[in-house]
Every structure is written in C-alpha cells, then in structure tokens.
Amino acid sequence: MSNASKGTAVVTGASTGIGAIYAQRLAQRGYDLIVVARNRARLEKLATRISDETGRSVEIVTADLGKDEDIRRVEAALRNDASITALVNNAGIGAALPLLNSDVDTMEAMIKLNVVALTRLTYAVVPGLVARGGGTIINIASIAGVAPEILNGVYGGSKSFVVAFTQSLRHELADKGVRVQAVLPGATRTEFWDVAGQPVENLPEQIVMDAADMVDAALAGIDQGETIT
C-alpha cells in the first residue's frame, strides 16, 4: 500500500455504521483521518483497527454535533487544519413517527444535527479547499430527501435541504477543483433505524442494503463524477 497521503479526510458520525465504513474505505484510498463522534470508546477502537490495517494516521475528536459549543469547537479545528482535503458529513439522526406523534423539541434537535452542523462544518472547510486548489465534500442525505412522505416529514425536509445545498455547492465550486456529492441511501442496515423508532428487522428484507455495499456504491458514484448518488 502506498505511503503517499491524499491529505486528511474528516468523517463525522464515524463511530459506527456508514461513517465507520467511510473512514475505513478512505484510509484504504490513502487518506489520513479525523474521525468525529460522541462515543470515544468506539472511535478509539475504530482508529486502532484502521491504523493497524492501513498505516494511516487517525485523529479522534469527541463531540456531540447537536450542541452549539461542540459544533463551534470542531469548526475551529477544521478551519485551521491545512491538511484537510475531504469532508464526509455523515452525522445525522432520523425519525419515522408521523408529525402529529413527534415531539417538536426532538424535531428541532434533528434539524440542528442534520442541517445546522452539516452547514457550519462545510463552511469551515470549503474556503481552505478552494484556497488549496481542490478537495471533496460528501454529504449523506437520504432517499427521503426526494420522497419526504415516506418517513417523518421533518427528517425528509432536513435531507431535502442537504440535497439542495449540495447541488448549490456543486454549481458554485465546479470551476474551483472541489468535488461535491450528495448520497441518498435507501434503507440501510445500521443503528439509524433503532434510533428512529423503526427497527430495521421490521422492513422487508429485499429493500435493505448492507452499509458496506452502500458506501462502496457511493464511492463508485463520486469516482464517476456524480453529484447525486
């Protein structure tokens, strides 16, 4: 495996599921990593495994991106790190209950994580990418971003924002060497469904993807220049 680094990839929500697989795949592609999540024990286990397997450097940042102070702390670190060449905005939370059965404070917290944190971290990284002549932004949205009626509407709306924001970024940064992609997974076998209140075991087996297959398909999409995968 080549020792030449492609720079540093930041992956949020990296302690498990889709984020952990992105971290592994990007390390295999030659990126050093900054992995961000709330669960430090899981991050440490992930970092050790990836470093042992790939020889890449893995920095751990413990943060709850649903909290303003943690968002600001991570923003400041990313803004001042000239090694960053990629950002995977994966941290997010879902909901499956209808609007009438949902708690509005919980919905506001979901908007904070799915929309505000993603937007602020993107703003922290993009100026540096442009100044350095290139990089990659990957935003994990959802098929609910284009079909918001299939799950909770606030969740779908938050992911519609991610899709629109990504399309705007792609338009703005197309001539600046920065690749931008929104990933719209369908049902994927992760802890997302337990948090959303709809265990994945309750879904038809034929519509559920493995997380590794989802990430590999998304990376194949960005390799081919797709804005929406």
Protein backbone atom coordinates (compact mmCIF):
# COMPACT_ATOMS: atom_id res chain seq x y z
CA MET A 1 0.00 0.00 0.00
CA SER A 2 1.33 3.45 -0.89
CA ASN A 3 2.62 5.65 1.92
CA ALA A 4 1.78 8.81 -0.04
CA SER A 5 -1.08 10.63 1.68
CA LYS A 6 -4.02 12.15 -0.16
CA GLY A 7 -4.36 14.57 2.73
CA THR A 8 -6.80 14.31 5.62
CA ALA A 9 -10.44 13.23 5.35
CA VAL A 10 -12.83 14.32 8.09
CA VAL A 11 -15.69 11.89 8.77
CA THR A 12 -18.49 12.85 11.17
CA GLY A 13 -20.67 10.27 12.85
CA ALA A 14 -17.74 7.91 12.39
CA SER A 15 -18.09 5.64 15.40
CA THR A 16 -20.33 3.08 13.73
CA GLY A 17 -22.28 2.17 10.61
CA ILE A 18 -21.88 4.21 7.44
CA GLY A 19 -19.41 6.66 8.97
CA ALA A 20 -17.07 3.93 10.21
CA ILE A 21 -17.07 2.27 6.79
CA TYR A 22 -16.34 5.58 5.05
CA ALA A 23 -13.41 6.08 7.40
CA GLN A 24 -12.04 2.63 6.59
CA ARG A 25 -12.51 3.00 2.83
CA LEU A 26 -10.93 6.45 2.71
CA ALA A 27 -7.93 5.25 4.73
CA GLN A 28 -7.56 2.38 2.26
CA ARG A 29 -7.55 5.01 -0.52
CA GLY A 30 -4.63 6.82 1.12
CA TYR A 31 -6.25 9.45 3.33
CA ASP A 32 -5.26 10.21 6.89
CA LEU A 33 -8.34 10.70 9.04
CA ILE A 34 -10.05 12.91 11.56
CA VAL A 35 -12.99 10.93 12.95
CA VAL A 36 -15.72 12.77 14.86
CA ALA A 37 -18.44 11.26 17.05
CA ARG A 38 -19.80 11.26 20.60
CA ASN A 39 -18.63 7.79 21.61
CA ARG A 40 -14.89 7.98 22.35
CA ALA A 41 -14.51 4.27 23.14
CA ARG A 42 -15.90 3.30 19.74
CA LEU A 43 -13.73 5.90 18.00
CA GLU A 44 -10.61 4.61 19.74
CA LYS A 45 -11.39 1.04 18.69
CA LEU A 46 -12.02 2.18 15.10
CA ALA A 47 -8.85 4.29 15.00
CA THR A 48 -6.68 1.43 16.24
CA ARG A 49 -8.12 -1.01 13.70
CA ILE A 50 -7.76 1.38 10.76
CA SER A 51 -4.24 2.42 11.72
CA ASP A 52 -3.17 -1.20 12.10
CA GLU A 53 -4.73 -2.20 8.76
CA THR A 54 -3.67 0.78 6.64
CA GLY A 55 -0.81 2.55 8.40
CA ARG A 56 -2.68 5.85 8.12
CA SER A 57 -2.87 8.44 10.87
CA VAL A 58 -6.25 8.65 12.63
CA GLU A 59 -7.08 11.60 14.90
CA ILE A 60 -10.05 11.29 17.25
CA VAL A 61 -12.37 14.21 18.01
CA THR A 62 -15.07 13.51 20.59
CA ALA A 63 -18.00 15.86 20.02
CA ASP A 64 -21.79 15.99 20.08
CA LEU A 65 -22.66 17.88 16.90
CA GLY A 66 -26.12 18.51 18.27
CA LYS A 67 -24.60 21.01 20.73
CA ASP A 68 -23.59 24.53 19.71
CA GLU A 69 -20.39 24.54 21.74
CA ASP A 70 -19.21 21.27 20.20
CA ILE A 71 -20.06 22.42 16.66
CA ARG A 72 -18.02 25.60 17.22
CA ARG A 73 -15.08 23.64 18.65
CA VAL A 74 -14.96 21.25 15.70
CA GLU A 75 -15.43 24.14 13.24
CA ALA A 76 -12.43 25.96 14.66
CA ALA A 77 -10.25 22.85 14.45
CA LEU A 78 -11.22 22.16 10.83
CA ARG A 79 -10.88 25.78 9.71
CA ASN A 80 -7.27 25.88 10.89
CA ASP A 81 -6.14 22.48 9.52
CA ALA A 82 -4.43 22.92 6.16
CA SER A 83 -4.07 19.16 5.67
CA ILE A 84 -7.82 18.63 5.11
CA THR A 85 -8.73 17.57 1.58
CA ALA A 86 -12.09 15.82 2.17
CA LEU A 87 -15.15 16.11 4.41
CA VAL A 88 -17.83 13.44 4.81
CA ASN A 89 -20.86 14.99 6.54
CA ASN A 90 -22.35 11.74 7.78
CA ALA A 91 -23.52 12.64 11.31
CA GLY A 92 -27.30 12.72 11.45
CA ILE A 93 -30.38 11.34 13.10
CA GLY A 94 -33.68 10.09 11.73
CA ALA A 95 -37.30 9.72 12.72
CA ALA A 96 -40.10 7.51 11.48
CA LEU A 97 -43.08 8.76 13.51
CA PRO A 98 -45.66 10.99 11.81
CA LEU A 99 -45.57 14.70 12.58
CA LEU A 100 -48.59 14.50 14.90
CA ASN A 101 -46.85 11.88 17.06
CA SER A 102 -43.49 13.66 17.19
CA ASP A 103 -42.03 15.87 19.90
CA VAL A 104 -41.20 19.32 18.49
CA ASP A 105 -38.05 19.69 20.62
CA THR A 106 -36.78 16.39 19.25
CA MET A 107 -37.54 17.63 15.73
CA GLU A 108 -35.60 20.85 16.41
CA ALA A 109 -32.63 18.82 17.67
CA MET A 110 -32.76 16.78 14.46
CA ILE A 111 -32.64 19.96 12.36
CA LYS A 112 -29.66 21.15 14.42
CA LEU A 113 -27.69 17.99 13.64
CA ASN A 114 -28.87 17.22 10.11
CA VAL A 115 -28.85 20.79 8.78
CA VAL A 116 -27.03 23.28 11.02
CA ALA A 117 -23.99 21.16 11.92
CA LEU A 118 -23.57 19.97 8.32
CA THR A 119 -23.79 23.53 7.01
CA ARG A 120 -21.37 25.02 9.53
CA LEU A 121 -18.74 22.29 9.08
CA THR A 122 -18.96 22.72 5.31
CA TYR A 123 -18.44 26.46 5.70
CA ALA A 124 -15.44 25.74 7.93
CA VAL A 125 -13.74 23.50 5.34
CA VAL A 126 -14.63 24.84 1.88
CA PRO A 127 -12.61 28.10 1.89
CA GLY A 128 -9.45 26.14 2.66
CA LEU A 129 -10.19 23.58 -0.06
CA VAL A 130 -10.68 26.37 -2.61
CA ALA A 131 -7.51 28.14 -1.49
CA ARG A 132 -5.54 24.89 -1.79
CA GLY A 133 -6.96 24.16 -5.23
CA GLY A 134 -9.26 21.22 -4.65
CA GLY A 135 -10.88 18.64 -2.41
CA THR A 136 -14.02 16.64 -1.84
CA ILE A 137 -17.28 17.22 0.05
CA ILE A 138 -19.60 14.24 0.55
CA ASN A 139 -22.98 14.93 2.19
CA ILE A 140 -25.01 11.94 3.36
CA ALA A 141 -28.66 12.71 2.63
CA SER A 142 -31.41 10.09 2.19
CA ILE A 143 -33.88 8.89 -0.37
CA ALA A 144 -36.34 10.71 1.92
CA GLY A 145 -34.73 13.90 0.65
CA VAL A 146 -36.61 13.43 -2.62
CA ALA A 147 -39.57 11.49 -1.16
CA PRO A 148 -40.16 13.16 2.23
CA GLU A 149 -43.53 11.48 2.68
CA ILE A 150 -42.00 8.04 3.26
CA LEU A 151 -40.73 8.81 6.78
CA ASN A 152 -41.13 11.66 9.25
CA GLY A 153 -41.60 14.92 7.33
CA VAL A 154 -39.11 16.95 9.34
CA TYR A 155 -36.49 14.28 8.69
CA GLY A 156 -37.33 14.28 4.98
CA GLY A 157 -37.24 18.07 4.93
CA SER A 158 -33.83 18.13 6.58
CA LYS A 159 -32.48 15.77 3.94
CA SER A 160 -34.11 17.77 1.14
CA PHE A 161 -32.04 20.68 2.42
CA VAL A 162 -28.90 18.53 2.18
CA VAL A 163 -29.68 17.66 -1.45
CA ALA A 164 -30.39 21.28 -2.42
CA PHE A 165 -27.35 22.58 -0.52
CA THR A 166 -25.15 20.04 -2.28
CA GLN A 167 -26.48 20.97 -5.71
CA SER A 168 -25.81 24.64 -4.99
CA LEU A 169 -22.28 23.87 -3.77
CA ARG A 170 -21.58 21.84 -6.88
CA HIS A 171 -22.70 24.77 -9.05
CA GLU A 172 -20.63 27.28 -7.08
CA LEU A 173 -17.46 25.18 -6.79
CA ALA A 174 -17.46 23.43 -10.17
CA ASP A 175 -14.61 25.54 -11.52
CA LYS A 176 -12.60 25.51 -8.29
CA GLY A 177 -11.48 21.89 -8.26
CA VAL A 178 -13.79 20.80 -5.42
CA ARG A 179 -15.87 17.65 -5.97
CA VAL A 180 -19.28 17.69 -4.29
CA GLN A 181 -21.68 14.76 -3.87
CA ALA A 182 -24.95 14.05 -2.09
CA VAL A 183 -25.55 10.40 -1.23
CA LEU A 184 -29.21 9.30 -1.00
CA PRO A 185 -29.30 5.86 0.64
CA GLY A 186 -32.44 3.83 0.78
CA ALA A 187 -33.00 1.53 3.74
CA THR A 188 -29.55 0.57 5.03
CA ARG A 189 -28.73 -1.89 7.81
CA THR A 190 -27.41 0.41 10.58
CA GLU A 191 -28.37 1.61 14.08
CA PHE A 192 -30.23 4.51 12.40
CA TRP A 193 -33.47 2.56 12.42
CA ASP A 194 -33.37 1.76 16.13
CA VAL A 195 -32.88 5.46 16.93
CA ALA A 196 -35.67 6.40 14.51
CA GLY A 197 -38.07 4.05 16.28
CA GLN A 198 -38.47 1.59 13.41
CA PRO A 199 -36.16 -1.43 13.84
CA VAL A 200 -34.62 -2.49 10.53
CA GLU A 201 -35.87 -6.03 11.16
CA ASN A 202 -39.39 -4.69 10.57
CA LEU A 203 -38.57 -3.68 6.99
CA PRO A 204 -38.89 -6.03 4.00
CA GLU A 205 -35.55 -7.80 3.65
CA GLN A 206 -35.41 -7.24 -0.10
CA ILE A 207 -35.26 -3.43 0.27
CA VAL A 208 -32.48 -3.31 2.90
CA MET A 209 -28.85 -2.67 1.85
CA ASP A 210 -25.73 -3.58 3.78
CA ALA A 211 -23.87 -0.45 4.86
CA ALA A 212 -20.64 -1.58 3.18
CA ASP A 213 -22.43 -2.07 -0.15
CA MET A 214 -23.99 1.38 0.22
CA VAL A 215 -20.66 3.12 0.85
CA ASP A 216 -18.92 1.27 -1.98
CA ALA A 217 -21.70 2.25 -4.38
CA ALA A 218 -21.50 5.88 -3.24
CA LEU A 219 -17.72 5.97 -3.72
CA ALA A 220 -18.14 4.46 -7.17
CA GLY A 221 -20.58 7.28 -7.89
CA ILE A 222 -18.21 10.06 -6.92
CA ASP A 223 -15.39 8.37 -8.84
CA GLN A 224 -17.63 8.72 -11.91
CA GLY A 225 -18.39 12.37 -11.19
CA GLU A 226 -21.95 12.02 -9.92
CA THR A 227 -23.41 14.92 -7.93
CA ILE A 228 -26.35 12.83 -6.71
CA THR A 229 -25.85 9.14 -6.00
